[in-house]
Amino acid sequence: MKRAEKVIISCAVTGSIHTPSMSPHLPVTPQQIADDAIAAAKAGAAILHLHARDPQTGRPTQSPDVYKLFLPIIKQGCDGIVNITTGGGLGMTLDERLAAAKWARPEIASMNMGSFNFNISGAGARVPSFRHDWEKPYLEMTKDFILSNTFSQIERGMTELGDLGTRFEFECYDVGHLYNLAHFAERGLVKPPFFVQAIFGILGGIGPEPENLMHMKATADRLFGQDYYLSILAAGRHQFPFVTMGAILGGNVRVGLEDNLYLGRGQLAPSNADQVAKIRRILEELSLDIATPDDARRMLGTKGGDNVGF
């Protein structure tokens, strides 16, 4: 892989896994999402990975009308690279999932690299009561849920967004997803450098063991050589140990309330910025330099913040 001379910190601000009843600090409204994203950028995040929520219920939505309420605020408030999800919320159609990114034409969009069982039913186990009717059924239905990312769906997303100049965060939840990316790279549908986000600890994907991180890296090295940057995220309590290990190996890191609601054992993170500040402090103690948004733009070859649709 391309060893990062400076470590890119991505911050996944709200996601579609955690529900409002799990933490009072999860940003839900457009203003909360904008404020948290800007603060995360100021704390050191070069990339802001963004989902949207219904302002009233906190349910995930991919409506461009909701994104329009916070993307311009973020653009005006910081220089962070905006990365729009195409995973959206669980159970959405592909049209729904792509709608926001097609409207926003961001520098980066996420791209899930394969279908798999995606079970987050245990995420609400410690929630004594839910504030909204949608939350518990949304989590429990994932016992019988397949996150669909077929080759046809992936190709459509790559083509339609690639034509807009958007580059990708390739989300790989298991080893086979790396081979799927290699398939599309061999066909010329995506061009290096590839920003590979290796994901650990989602039930249905690869588990959060250090040996698995080494295996994912070795596989990606074999498939992509010097044509990729590795980034690491891990769910829940595995977040900080795992991403630190990834950085020591020469990779990049992702934190944020999408992936983990806690700052430490039993301590809810007050904000995304607190998680960014913590990982930045760890990396700097290891004498690793932190990438600015412009550093990340040069590394990943994005089209620049002035060439987006918002």
Protein backbone atom coordinates (compact mmCIF):
# COMPACT_ATOMS: atom_id res chain seq x y z
CA MET A 1 0.00 0.00 0.00
CA LYS A 2 0.95 3.63 -0.15
CA ARG A 3 2.28 4.34 3.31
CA ALA A 4 0.63 7.53 4.50
CA GLU A 5 3.25 10.23 5.09
CA LYS A 6 0.48 12.00 6.96
CA VAL A 7 -2.44 10.14 8.51
CA ILE A 8 -5.90 10.97 7.20
CA ILE A 9 -8.47 11.10 9.99
CA SER A 10 -12.01 10.45 8.76
CA CYS A 11 -14.94 11.21 11.03
CA ALA A 12 -18.25 9.39 10.51
CA VAL A 13 -20.60 11.86 12.12
CA THR A 14 -23.96 10.09 12.59
CA GLY A 15 -24.40 7.02 10.37
CA SER A 16 -27.49 4.83 10.18
CA ILE A 17 -26.76 2.17 12.81
CA HIS A 18 -27.13 3.93 16.14
CA THR A 19 -30.52 5.32 17.07
CA PRO A 20 -31.31 8.47 19.08
CA SER A 21 -32.21 6.50 22.23
CA MET A 22 -28.67 5.10 22.47
CA SER A 23 -26.97 8.42 23.16
CA PRO A 24 -28.15 11.99 23.76
CA HIS A 25 -25.04 13.14 21.90
CA LEU A 26 -25.86 11.51 18.55
CA PRO A 27 -26.42 14.37 16.08
CA VAL A 28 -29.84 14.18 14.48
CA THR A 29 -31.02 17.58 13.26
CA PRO A 30 -29.33 19.31 10.31
CA GLN A 31 -27.87 21.94 12.62
CA GLN A 32 -26.51 19.30 15.00
CA ILE A 33 -24.94 17.38 12.12
CA ALA A 34 -23.40 20.56 10.73
CA ASP A 35 -22.08 21.69 14.11
CA ASP A 36 -20.59 18.28 14.91
CA ALA A 37 -19.00 17.98 11.47
CA ILE A 38 -17.41 21.43 11.64
CA ALA A 39 -16.10 20.80 15.15
CA ALA A 40 -14.66 17.46 14.05
CA ALA A 41 -12.88 19.12 11.15
CA LYS A 42 -11.44 21.77 13.45
CA ALA A 43 -10.25 19.00 15.78
CA GLY A 44 -8.30 17.38 12.95
CA ALA A 45 -10.60 15.35 10.69
CA ALA A 46 -9.71 15.78 7.03
CA ILE A 47 -12.72 13.78 5.77
CA LEU A 48 -16.30 14.06 7.02
CA HIS A 49 -18.35 10.94 6.26
CA LEU A 50 -21.98 12.04 6.31
CA HIS A 51 -25.43 10.52 6.59
CA ALA A 52 -28.69 12.42 7.15
CA ARG A 53 -31.50 11.95 9.63
CA ASP A 54 -35.15 12.90 9.71
CA PRO A 55 -35.03 16.01 11.93
CA GLN A 56 -38.12 14.96 13.89
CA THR A 57 -37.53 11.25 14.50
CA GLY A 58 -33.84 10.71 13.86
CA ARG A 59 -34.57 7.95 11.34
CA PRO A 60 -31.98 7.70 8.55
CA THR A 61 -32.95 9.44 5.32
CA GLN A 62 -31.22 10.00 2.00
CA SER A 63 -33.48 12.86 0.92
CA PRO A 64 -31.42 15.55 -0.81
CA ASP A 65 -33.80 18.06 0.75
CA VAL A 66 -32.39 17.18 4.19
CA TYR A 67 -28.78 17.23 3.00
CA LYS A 68 -29.42 20.70 1.58
CA LEU A 69 -30.05 21.90 5.12
CA PHE A 70 -26.55 21.09 6.41
CA LEU A 71 -24.05 20.60 3.57
CA PRO A 72 -23.80 24.34 2.71
CA ILE A 73 -23.29 25.13 6.41
CA ILE A 74 -20.45 22.61 6.61
CA LYS A 75 -18.83 23.93 3.44
CA GLN A 76 -18.92 27.48 4.79
CA GLY A 77 -17.70 26.45 8.25
CA CYS A 78 -14.66 24.33 7.42
CA ASP A 79 -12.45 22.94 4.66
CA GLY A 80 -13.11 19.27 5.39
CA ILE A 81 -13.66 16.88 2.49
CA VAL A 82 -17.31 15.87 2.38
CA ASN A 83 -17.88 12.13 1.87
CA ILE A 84 -21.54 11.24 1.25
CA THR A 85 -22.82 7.77 2.03
CA THR A 86 -24.33 5.59 -0.68
CA GLY A 87 -25.15 2.93 1.90
CA GLY A 88 -27.87 5.18 3.27
CA GLY A 89 -30.18 3.51 5.76
CA LEU A 90 -30.99 -0.16 6.04
CA GLY A 91 -33.70 -1.32 3.67
CA MET A 92 -33.47 1.61 1.25
CA THR A 93 -33.62 1.09 -2.50
CA LEU A 94 -30.55 1.82 -4.62
CA ASP A 95 -32.27 4.89 -6.07
CA GLU A 96 -32.79 6.20 -2.55
CA ARG A 97 -29.23 5.39 -1.54
CA LEU A 98 -27.68 7.21 -4.50
CA ALA A 99 -29.97 10.25 -4.49
CA ALA A 100 -28.03 12.46 -2.09
CA ALA A 101 -24.62 11.86 -3.66
CA LYS A 102 -25.98 12.39 -7.17
CA TRP A 103 -27.39 15.74 -6.08
CA ALA A 104 -24.39 16.83 -3.99
CA ARG A 105 -21.66 15.64 -6.40
CA PRO A 106 -19.19 15.39 -3.48
CA GLU A 107 -15.46 14.91 -3.66
CA ILE A 108 -15.88 11.42 -2.15
CA ALA A 109 -18.76 8.99 -1.72
CA SER A 110 -18.75 5.69 0.14
CA MET A 111 -19.14 2.50 -1.87
CA ASN A 112 -19.94 -0.81 -0.15
CA MET A 113 -18.07 -3.54 -1.98
CA GLY A 114 -20.33 -6.53 -1.46
CA SER A 115 -23.56 -7.98 -0.11
CA PHE A 116 -23.52 -9.63 3.31
CA ASN A 117 -25.57 -10.40 6.40
CA PHE A 118 -25.66 -7.16 8.39
CA ASN A 119 -26.93 -7.79 11.90
CA ILE A 120 -27.10 -4.87 14.33
CA SER A 121 -29.99 -6.28 16.37
CA GLY A 122 -27.83 -6.37 19.48
CA ALA A 123 -26.99 -2.66 19.30
CA GLY A 124 -29.99 -1.65 21.39
CA ALA A 125 -29.70 -4.38 24.00
CA ARG A 126 -28.81 -1.94 26.77
CA VAL A 127 -31.45 0.64 25.83
CA PRO A 128 -34.14 0.50 28.56
CA SER A 129 -36.75 2.24 26.41
CA PHE A 130 -36.90 3.74 22.94
CA ARG A 131 -37.96 7.32 22.26
CA HIS A 132 -39.30 6.60 18.77
CA ASP A 133 -41.48 3.78 17.46
CA TRP A 134 -39.19 3.04 14.51
CA GLU A 135 -36.03 2.31 16.49
CA LYS A 136 -36.59 -1.16 17.96
CA PRO A 137 -38.12 -2.73 14.80
CA TYR A 138 -35.35 -1.15 12.67
CA LEU A 139 -32.71 -2.90 14.76
CA GLU A 140 -34.51 -6.22 15.21
CA MET A 141 -35.29 -6.70 11.53
CA THR A 142 -31.56 -7.03 10.82
CA LYS A 143 -31.63 -10.60 12.17
CA ASP A 144 -33.13 -11.43 8.77
CA PHE A 145 -31.48 -8.73 6.66
CA ILE A 146 -28.99 -8.84 3.81
CA LEU A 147 -27.24 -5.57 2.95
CA SER A 148 -27.52 -5.70 -0.82
CA ASN A 149 -24.56 -4.58 -2.90
CA THR A 150 -24.66 -6.72 -6.02
CA PHE A 151 -22.16 -6.36 -8.84
CA SER A 152 -24.82 -4.59 -10.87
CA GLN A 153 -25.61 -2.18 -8.05
CA ILE A 154 -21.94 -1.43 -7.42
CA GLU A 155 -21.27 -0.84 -11.12
CA ARG A 156 -24.19 1.53 -11.36
CA GLY A 157 -23.01 3.55 -8.36
CA MET A 158 -19.43 3.70 -9.62
CA THR A 159 -20.52 4.77 -13.09
CA GLU A 160 -23.14 7.36 -12.17
CA LEU A 161 -21.04 9.01 -9.47
CA GLY A 162 -17.73 8.56 -11.25
CA ASP A 163 -19.15 10.50 -14.20
CA LEU A 164 -19.63 13.42 -11.77
CA GLY A 165 -15.96 13.39 -10.79
CA THR A 166 -16.63 11.82 -7.39
CA ARG A 167 -14.02 9.45 -5.99
CA PHE A 168 -14.76 6.66 -3.53
CA GLU A 169 -14.19 5.34 -0.06
CA PHE A 170 -14.36 1.61 -0.78
CA GLU A 171 -15.94 0.02 2.28
CA CYS A 172 -14.73 -3.56 2.65
CA TYR A 173 -16.37 -5.61 5.40
CA ASP A 174 -14.61 -8.85 4.51
CA VAL A 175 -11.78 -10.24 2.41
CA GLY A 176 -14.00 -11.04 -0.57
CA HIS A 177 -14.89 -7.37 -0.87
CA LEU A 178 -11.25 -6.62 -1.69
CA TYR A 179 -11.44 -9.07 -4.56
CA ASN A 180 -14.65 -7.40 -5.74
CA LEU A 181 -12.82 -4.08 -5.85
CA ALA A 182 -9.98 -5.69 -7.77
CA HIS A 183 -12.53 -6.91 -10.31
CA PHE A 184 -13.83 -3.40 -10.96
CA ALA A 185 -10.30 -2.00 -11.02
CA GLU A 186 -9.25 -4.56 -13.64
CA ARG A 187 -12.22 -3.49 -15.76
CA GLY A 188 -11.15 0.12 -15.50
CA LEU A 189 -14.34 1.33 -13.81
CA VAL A 190 -12.35 2.87 -10.97
CA LYS A 191 -8.84 4.34 -11.00
CA PRO A 192 -6.11 4.41 -8.37
CA PRO A 193 -5.21 5.48 -5.83
CA PHE A 194 -7.96 3.48 -4.12
CA PHE A 195 -9.05 4.59 -0.64
CA VAL A 196 -9.83 1.23 0.98
CA GLN A 197 -11.78 1.39 4.25
CA ALA A 198 -11.36 -1.95 6.00
CA ILE A 199 -14.22 -2.49 8.47
CA PHE A 200 -14.08 -4.80 11.47
CA GLY A 201 -16.59 -5.88 14.09
CA ILE A 202 -19.95 -5.74 12.28
CA LEU A 203 -21.80 -9.00 12.86
CA GLY A 204 -21.84 -10.65 9.45
CA GLY A 205 -18.48 -9.19 8.41
CA ILE A 206 -14.91 -9.92 9.41
CA GLY A 207 -14.25 -10.01 13.15
CA PRO A 208 -12.19 -7.53 15.19
CA GLU A 209 -9.04 -9.58 15.75
CA PRO A 210 -5.59 -8.15 15.00
CA GLU A 211 -4.77 -11.16 12.82
CA ASN A 212 -7.70 -10.23 10.58
CA LEU A 213 -6.33 -6.73 10.10
CA MET A 214 -2.99 -8.20 9.02
CA HIS A 215 -4.80 -10.58 6.66
CA MET A 216 -6.85 -7.78 5.10
CA LYS A 217 -3.73 -5.66 4.61
CA ALA A 218 -1.74 -8.55 3.13
CA THR A 219 -4.58 -9.34 0.73
CA ALA A 220 -4.93 -5.70 -0.34
CA ASP A 221 -1.16 -5.45 -0.78
CA ARG A 222 -1.25 -8.49 -3.06
CA LEU A 223 -4.18 -7.15 -5.10
CA PHE A 224 -3.34 -3.44 -5.33
CA GLY A 225 0.35 -3.05 -4.56
CA GLN A 226 1.18 0.65 -4.32
CA ASP A 227 -2.17 1.66 -5.84
CA TYR A 228 -4.10 2.08 -2.60
CA TYR A 229 -4.26 3.79 0.76
CA LEU A 230 -5.58 1.72 3.65
CA SER A 231 -7.92 3.15 6.25
CA ILE A 232 -9.26 1.29 9.27
CA LEU A 233 -12.48 1.45 11.26
CA ALA A 234 -13.76 -0.86 13.96
CA ALA A 235 -17.11 -0.98 15.70
CA GLY A 236 -17.73 -0.13 19.33
CA ARG A 237 -15.06 -0.77 21.93
CA HIS A 238 -12.62 -1.97 19.26
CA GLN A 239 -12.47 1.45 17.63
CA PHE A 240 -9.43 3.10 19.19
CA PRO A 241 -7.14 0.03 19.58
CA PHE A 242 -7.84 -1.11 16.03
CA VAL A 243 -7.44 2.21 14.25
CA THR A 244 -4.23 2.87 16.20
CA MET A 245 -2.88 -0.46 15.01
CA GLY A 246 -3.79 0.49 11.46
CA ALA A 247 -1.94 3.78 11.74
CA ILE A 248 1.17 2.04 13.11
CA LEU A 249 1.09 -0.17 10.01
CA GLY A 250 1.14 2.94 7.82
CA GLY A 251 -2.60 3.34 7.28
CA ASN A 252 -5.24 5.95 7.96
CA VAL A 253 -7.99 6.03 10.56
CA ARG A 254 -11.73 6.57 10.95
CA VAL A 255 -13.56 7.47 14.14
CA GLY A 256 -16.98 8.98 14.84
CA LEU A 257 -20.33 8.30 16.44
CA GLU A 258 -21.46 6.22 13.46
CA ASP A 259 -18.97 3.56 14.49
CA ASN A 260 -18.76 3.94 18.28
CA LEU A 261 -20.77 5.98 20.80
CA TYR A 262 -18.08 5.92 23.49
CA LEU A 263 -14.91 7.83 24.26
CA GLY A 264 -13.68 5.30 26.82
CA ARG A 265 -14.96 2.42 28.92
CA GLY A 266 -18.49 3.35 30.09
CA GLN A 267 -18.06 6.97 28.96
CA LEU A 268 -20.33 8.22 26.19
CA ALA A 269 -18.52 10.49 23.77
CA PRO A 270 -19.88 14.05 24.18
CA SER A 271 -19.25 14.73 20.50
CA ASN A 272 -17.51 13.54 17.37
CA ALA A 273 -14.83 16.15 17.94
CA ASP A 274 -13.89 14.48 21.23
CA GLN A 275 -13.19 11.23 19.41
CA VAL A 276 -11.18 13.04 16.74
CA ALA A 277 -9.17 14.87 19.40
CA LYS A 278 -8.45 11.58 21.20
CA ILE A 279 -7.17 9.74 18.13
CA ARG A 280 -5.20 12.79 17.06
CA ARG A 281 -3.52 12.89 20.46
CA ILE A 282 -2.66 9.18 20.22
CA LEU A 283 -1.24 9.56 16.71
CA GLU A 284 0.83 12.59 17.61
CA GLU A 285 2.22 10.76 20.66
CA LEU A 286 3.38 8.13 18.15
CA SER A 287 5.12 10.91 16.14
CA LEU A 288 2.69 10.55 13.25
CA ASP A 289 1.74 13.66 11.33
CA ILE A 290 -1.92 14.48 10.71
CA ALA A 291 -3.14 15.19 7.18
CA THR A 292 -4.96 18.43 6.50
CA PRO A 293 -7.92 18.39 4.10
CA ASP A 294 -5.64 19.66 1.32
CA ASP A 295 -3.08 16.95 2.11
CA ALA A 296 -5.86 14.38 1.79
CA ARG A 297 -7.04 15.91 -1.48
CA ARG A 298 -3.54 15.55 -2.94
CA MET A 299 -3.18 11.99 -1.67
CA LEU A 300 -6.55 10.79 -2.96
CA GLY A 301 -6.75 12.90 -6.12
CA THR A 302 -10.15 14.47 -5.43
CA LYS A 303 -11.62 17.20 -7.59
CA GLY A 304 -11.53 19.85 -4.87
CA GLY A 305 -14.07 21.46 -2.60
CA ASP A 306 -15.11 24.10 -5.12
CA ASN A 307 -16.30 21.51 -7.65
CA VAL A 308 -19.21 20.06 -5.71
CA GLY A 309 -22.96 20.58 -6.06
CA PHE A 310 -23.69 22.35 -2.79
